């Protein structure tokens, strides 16, 4: 798996991350998804579904960013901006 991530083209990595974060953005700003969850009386872990909807979206967003950081560390790309400023 590590070799596959290292060999992955930068353009493919950007497309995958863009789709993931775009999906999170769509969940956050597309009103029908939220409104469909808002009218429900169901509870998710003791919270109304509308609140759980926002928390799930936030967790997906953080997971996407954490995954991107991990992939960039494996590829040796993480932290290059800081190295370029100091040289």
N, C-alpha and C. Protein backbone atom coordinates (compact mmCIF):
# COMPACT_ATOMS: atom_id res chain seq x y z
N UNK A 1 0.82 -1.19 0.00
CA UNK A 1 0.00 0.00 0.00
C UNK A 1 0.87 1.26 0.00
N UNK A 2 1.97 1.19 0.75
CA UNK A 2 2.87 2.33 0.83
C UNK A 2 3.47 2.63 -0.54
N UNK A 3 3.84 1.57 -1.28
CA UNK A 3 4.40 1.76 -2.62
C UNK A 3 3.38 2.38 -3.56
N UNK A 4 2.13 1.97 -3.44
CA UNK A 4 1.07 2.52 -4.28
C UNK A 4 0.89 4.01 -4.01
N UNK A 5 0.94 4.40 -2.75
CA UNK A 5 0.79 5.82 -2.40
C UNK A 5 1.97 6.62 -2.91
N UNK A 6 3.16 6.07 -2.80
CA UNK A 6 4.35 6.80 -3.25
C UNK A 6 4.35 6.96 -4.77
N UNK A 7 3.88 5.94 -5.50
CA UNK A 7 3.87 5.98 -6.96
C UNK A 7 2.68 6.76 -7.52
N UNK A 8 1.72 7.10 -6.70
CA UNK A 8 0.53 7.82 -7.15
C UNK A 8 0.91 9.18 -7.71
N UNK A 9 0.47 9.50 -8.93
CA UNK A 9 0.80 10.81 -9.49
C UNK A 9 0.19 11.94 -8.65
N UNK A 10 0.87 13.08 -8.66
CA UNK A 10 0.40 14.24 -7.88
C UNK A 10 -0.98 14.69 -8.33
N UNK A 11 -1.23 14.59 -9.62
CA UNK A 11 -2.54 15.00 -10.15
C UNK A 11 -3.65 14.10 -9.62
N UNK A 12 -3.40 12.80 -9.53
CA UNK A 12 -4.40 11.86 -9.00
C UNK A 12 -4.64 12.13 -7.52
N UNK A 13 -3.56 12.41 -6.78
CA UNK A 13 -3.70 12.73 -5.36
C UNK A 13 -4.56 13.97 -5.19
N UNK A 14 -4.31 14.99 -5.98
CA UNK A 14 -5.09 16.22 -5.90
C UNK A 14 -6.55 15.99 -6.25
N UNK A 15 -6.80 15.13 -7.24
CA UNK A 15 -8.18 14.85 -7.63
C UNK A 15 -8.93 14.10 -6.53
N UNK A 16 -8.28 13.14 -5.91
CA UNK A 16 -8.92 12.37 -4.84
C UNK A 16 -9.23 13.27 -3.65
N UNK A 17 -8.26 14.09 -3.25
CA UNK A 17 -8.47 15.01 -2.13
C UNK A 17 -9.53 16.03 -2.47
N UNK A 18 -9.52 16.52 -3.70
CA UNK A 18 -10.53 17.49 -4.13
C UNK A 18 -11.94 16.91 -4.09
N UNK A 19 -12.08 15.67 -4.51
CA UNK A 19 -13.39 15.02 -4.46
C UNK A 19 -13.85 14.82 -3.02
N UNK A 20 -12.93 14.40 -2.16
CA UNK A 20 -13.28 14.17 -0.75
C UNK A 20 -13.73 15.47 -0.09
N UNK A 21 -12.89 16.51 -0.22
CA UNK A 21 -13.22 17.79 0.41
C UNK A 21 -14.41 18.45 -0.27
N UNK A 22 -14.56 18.26 -1.56
CA UNK A 22 -15.74 18.77 -2.27
C UNK A 22 -17.01 18.11 -1.78
N UNK A 23 -16.93 16.81 -1.50
CA UNK A 23 -18.09 16.11 -0.93
C UNK A 23 -18.45 16.65 0.44
N UNK A 24 -17.44 16.94 1.25
CA UNK A 24 -17.70 17.53 2.58
C UNK A 24 -18.33 18.92 2.43
N UNK A 25 -17.84 19.69 1.47
CA UNK A 25 -18.40 21.01 1.23
C UNK A 25 -19.84 20.90 0.76
N UNK A 26 -20.10 19.95 -0.10
CA UNK A 26 -21.47 19.74 -0.57
C UNK A 26 -22.41 19.38 0.58
N UNK A 27 -21.94 18.52 1.48
CA UNK A 27 -22.74 18.19 2.65
C UNK A 27 -23.01 19.41 3.53
N UNK A 28 -22.02 20.31 3.60
CA UNK A 28 -22.15 21.46 4.49
C UNK A 28 -23.05 22.55 3.92
N UNK A 29 -23.04 22.76 2.62
CA UNK A 29 -23.75 23.91 2.07
C UNK A 29 -24.96 23.57 1.20
N UNK A 30 -25.21 22.32 0.93
CA UNK A 30 -26.34 21.96 0.08
C UNK A 30 -27.57 21.79 0.95
N UNK A 31 -28.48 22.73 0.94
CA UNK A 31 -29.61 22.74 1.89
C UNK A 31 -30.50 21.49 1.91
N UNK A 32 -30.81 20.84 0.80
CA UNK A 32 -31.71 19.67 0.91
C UNK A 32 -31.19 18.56 1.81
N UNK A 33 -29.88 18.34 1.84
CA UNK A 33 -29.35 17.31 2.74
C UNK A 33 -29.63 17.66 4.19
N UNK A 34 -29.31 18.90 4.55
CA UNK A 34 -29.50 19.32 5.93
C UNK A 34 -30.97 19.39 6.29
N UNK A 35 -31.79 19.90 5.38
CA UNK A 35 -33.22 20.02 5.67
C UNK A 35 -33.87 18.64 5.81
N UNK A 36 -33.41 17.68 5.05
CA UNK A 36 -33.94 16.32 5.18
C UNK A 36 -33.60 15.75 6.56
N UNK A 37 -32.40 16.07 7.04
CA UNK A 37 -32.01 15.59 8.37
C UNK A 37 -32.69 16.39 9.47
N UNK A 38 -32.99 17.66 9.19
CA UNK A 38 -33.56 18.54 10.20
C UNK A 38 -34.99 18.19 10.60
N UNK A 39 -35.74 17.59 9.71
CA UNK A 39 -37.13 17.27 10.01
C UNK A 39 -37.31 15.95 10.73
N UNK A 40 -36.24 15.24 10.97
CA UNK A 40 -36.32 13.92 11.59
C UNK A 40 -36.32 14.03 13.11
N UNK A 41 -37.00 13.13 13.75
CA UNK A 41 -37.02 13.08 15.21
C UNK A 41 -36.06 12.01 15.75
N UNK A 42 -35.36 11.34 14.86
CA UNK A 42 -34.46 10.26 15.27
C UNK A 42 -33.27 10.81 16.04
N UNK A 43 -32.76 10.02 16.96
CA UNK A 43 -31.59 10.40 17.74
C UNK A 43 -30.40 9.57 17.29
N UNK A 44 -29.25 10.21 17.22
CA UNK A 44 -27.99 9.54 16.90
C UNK A 44 -27.07 9.82 18.08
N UNK A 45 -26.75 8.79 18.83
CA UNK A 45 -25.93 8.92 20.03
C UNK A 45 -26.50 9.98 20.99
N UNK A 46 -27.81 10.03 21.08
CA UNK A 46 -28.48 10.93 22.00
C UNK A 46 -28.66 12.35 21.48
N UNK A 47 -28.22 12.62 20.26
CA UNK A 47 -28.36 13.96 19.67
C UNK A 47 -29.40 13.91 18.56
N UNK A 48 -30.07 15.03 18.33
CA UNK A 48 -30.95 15.09 17.16
C UNK A 48 -30.14 14.86 15.88
N UNK A 49 -30.78 14.31 14.88
CA UNK A 49 -30.09 13.97 13.63
C UNK A 49 -29.47 15.21 12.98
N UNK A 50 -30.10 16.37 13.10
CA UNK A 50 -29.55 17.58 12.48
C UNK A 50 -28.20 17.96 13.09
N UNK A 51 -28.04 17.80 14.39
CA UNK A 51 -26.75 18.11 15.04
C UNK A 51 -25.72 17.04 14.68
N UNK A 52 -26.13 15.79 14.69
CA UNK A 52 -25.23 14.70 14.33
C UNK A 52 -24.75 14.86 12.89
N UNK A 53 -25.62 15.38 12.02
CA UNK A 53 -25.28 15.63 10.61
C UNK A 53 -24.07 16.56 10.51
N UNK A 54 -24.08 17.66 11.26
CA UNK A 54 -22.96 18.61 11.21
C UNK A 54 -21.71 18.00 11.83
N UNK A 55 -21.86 17.25 12.90
CA UNK A 55 -20.69 16.62 13.53
C UNK A 55 -20.07 15.56 12.62
N UNK A 56 -20.91 14.80 11.95
CA UNK A 56 -20.40 13.78 11.02
C UNK A 56 -19.65 14.46 9.88
N UNK A 57 -20.20 15.56 9.37
CA UNK A 57 -19.53 16.29 8.30
C UNK A 57 -18.18 16.82 8.78
N UNK A 58 -18.12 17.33 10.00
CA UNK A 58 -16.86 17.84 10.54
C UNK A 58 -15.84 16.71 10.70
N UNK A 59 -16.29 15.55 11.17
CA UNK A 59 -15.38 14.40 11.34
C UNK A 59 -14.86 13.95 9.98
N UNK A 60 -15.70 13.93 8.96
CA UNK A 60 -15.25 13.55 7.62
C UNK A 60 -14.22 14.55 7.09
N UNK A 61 -14.43 15.82 7.35
CA UNK A 61 -13.49 16.84 6.91
C UNK A 61 -12.14 16.69 7.60
N UNK A 62 -12.15 16.50 8.90
CA UNK A 62 -10.90 16.32 9.65
C UNK A 62 -10.19 15.03 9.22
N UNK A 63 -10.96 13.98 8.98
CA UNK A 63 -10.36 12.71 8.53
C UNK A 63 -9.71 12.88 7.17
N UNK A 64 -10.33 13.64 6.28
CA UNK A 64 -9.75 13.89 4.97
C UNK A 64 -8.44 14.65 5.06
N UNK A 65 -8.40 15.67 5.91
CA UNK A 65 -7.18 16.46 6.06
C UNK A 65 -6.08 15.62 6.72
N UNK A 66 -6.44 14.82 7.72
CA UNK A 66 -5.46 13.96 8.37
C UNK A 66 -4.91 12.92 7.39
N UNK A 67 -5.77 12.37 6.55
CA UNK A 67 -5.32 11.41 5.55
C UNK A 67 -4.39 12.07 4.54
N UNK A 68 -4.71 13.30 4.14
CA UNK A 68 -3.84 14.02 3.22
C UNK A 68 -2.47 14.27 3.85
N UNK A 69 -2.44 14.64 5.12
CA UNK A 69 -1.16 14.84 5.80
C UNK A 69 -0.35 13.56 5.83
N UNK A 70 -1.01 12.44 6.12
CA UNK A 70 -0.31 11.15 6.17
C UNK A 70 0.26 10.77 4.81
N UNK A 71 -0.53 10.96 3.76
CA UNK A 71 -0.07 10.64 2.41
C UNK A 71 1.11 11.53 2.03
N UNK A 72 1.02 12.83 2.35
CA UNK A 72 2.12 13.72 2.02
C UNK A 72 3.39 13.38 2.80
N UNK A 73 3.25 12.92 4.02
CA UNK A 73 4.44 12.50 4.78
C UNK A 73 5.08 11.27 4.15
N UNK A 74 4.24 10.32 3.72
CA UNK A 74 4.78 9.12 3.07
C UNK A 74 5.51 9.47 1.77
N UNK A 75 4.98 10.44 1.05
CA UNK A 75 5.57 10.84 -0.22
C UNK A 75 6.73 11.81 -0.05
N UNK A 76 6.98 12.29 1.17
CA UNK A 76 8.06 13.22 1.41
C UNK A 76 7.73 14.64 1.01
N UNK A 77 6.45 14.98 0.92
CA UNK A 77 6.04 16.32 0.48
C UNK A 77 5.63 17.21 1.65
N UNK A 78 5.46 16.66 2.82
CA UNK A 78 4.95 17.44 3.95
C UNK A 78 6.03 18.32 4.54
N UNK A 79 5.77 19.60 4.66
CA UNK A 79 6.71 20.51 5.27
C UNK A 79 7.67 21.16 4.31
N UNK A 80 7.52 20.96 3.01
CA UNK A 80 8.41 21.57 2.04
C UNK A 80 8.33 23.09 2.06
N UNK A 81 7.15 23.63 2.34
CA UNK A 81 6.98 25.08 2.34
C UNK A 81 7.85 25.72 3.42
N UNK A 82 7.93 25.10 4.57
CA UNK A 82 8.74 25.64 5.65
C UNK A 82 10.23 25.55 5.31
N UNK A 83 10.64 24.46 4.68
CA UNK A 83 12.04 24.30 4.30
C UNK A 83 12.45 25.34 3.26
N UNK A 84 11.57 25.67 2.34
CA UNK A 84 11.88 26.64 1.29
C UNK A 84 12.01 28.05 1.86
N UNK A 85 11.24 28.38 2.88
CA UNK A 85 11.33 29.71 3.48
C UNK A 85 12.63 29.91 4.23
N UNK A 86 13.15 28.88 4.86
CA UNK A 86 14.37 28.99 5.68
C UNK A 86 15.64 28.96 4.84
N UNK A 87 15.57 28.48 3.58
CA UNK A 87 16.80 28.41 2.80
C UNK A 87 17.05 29.65 1.98
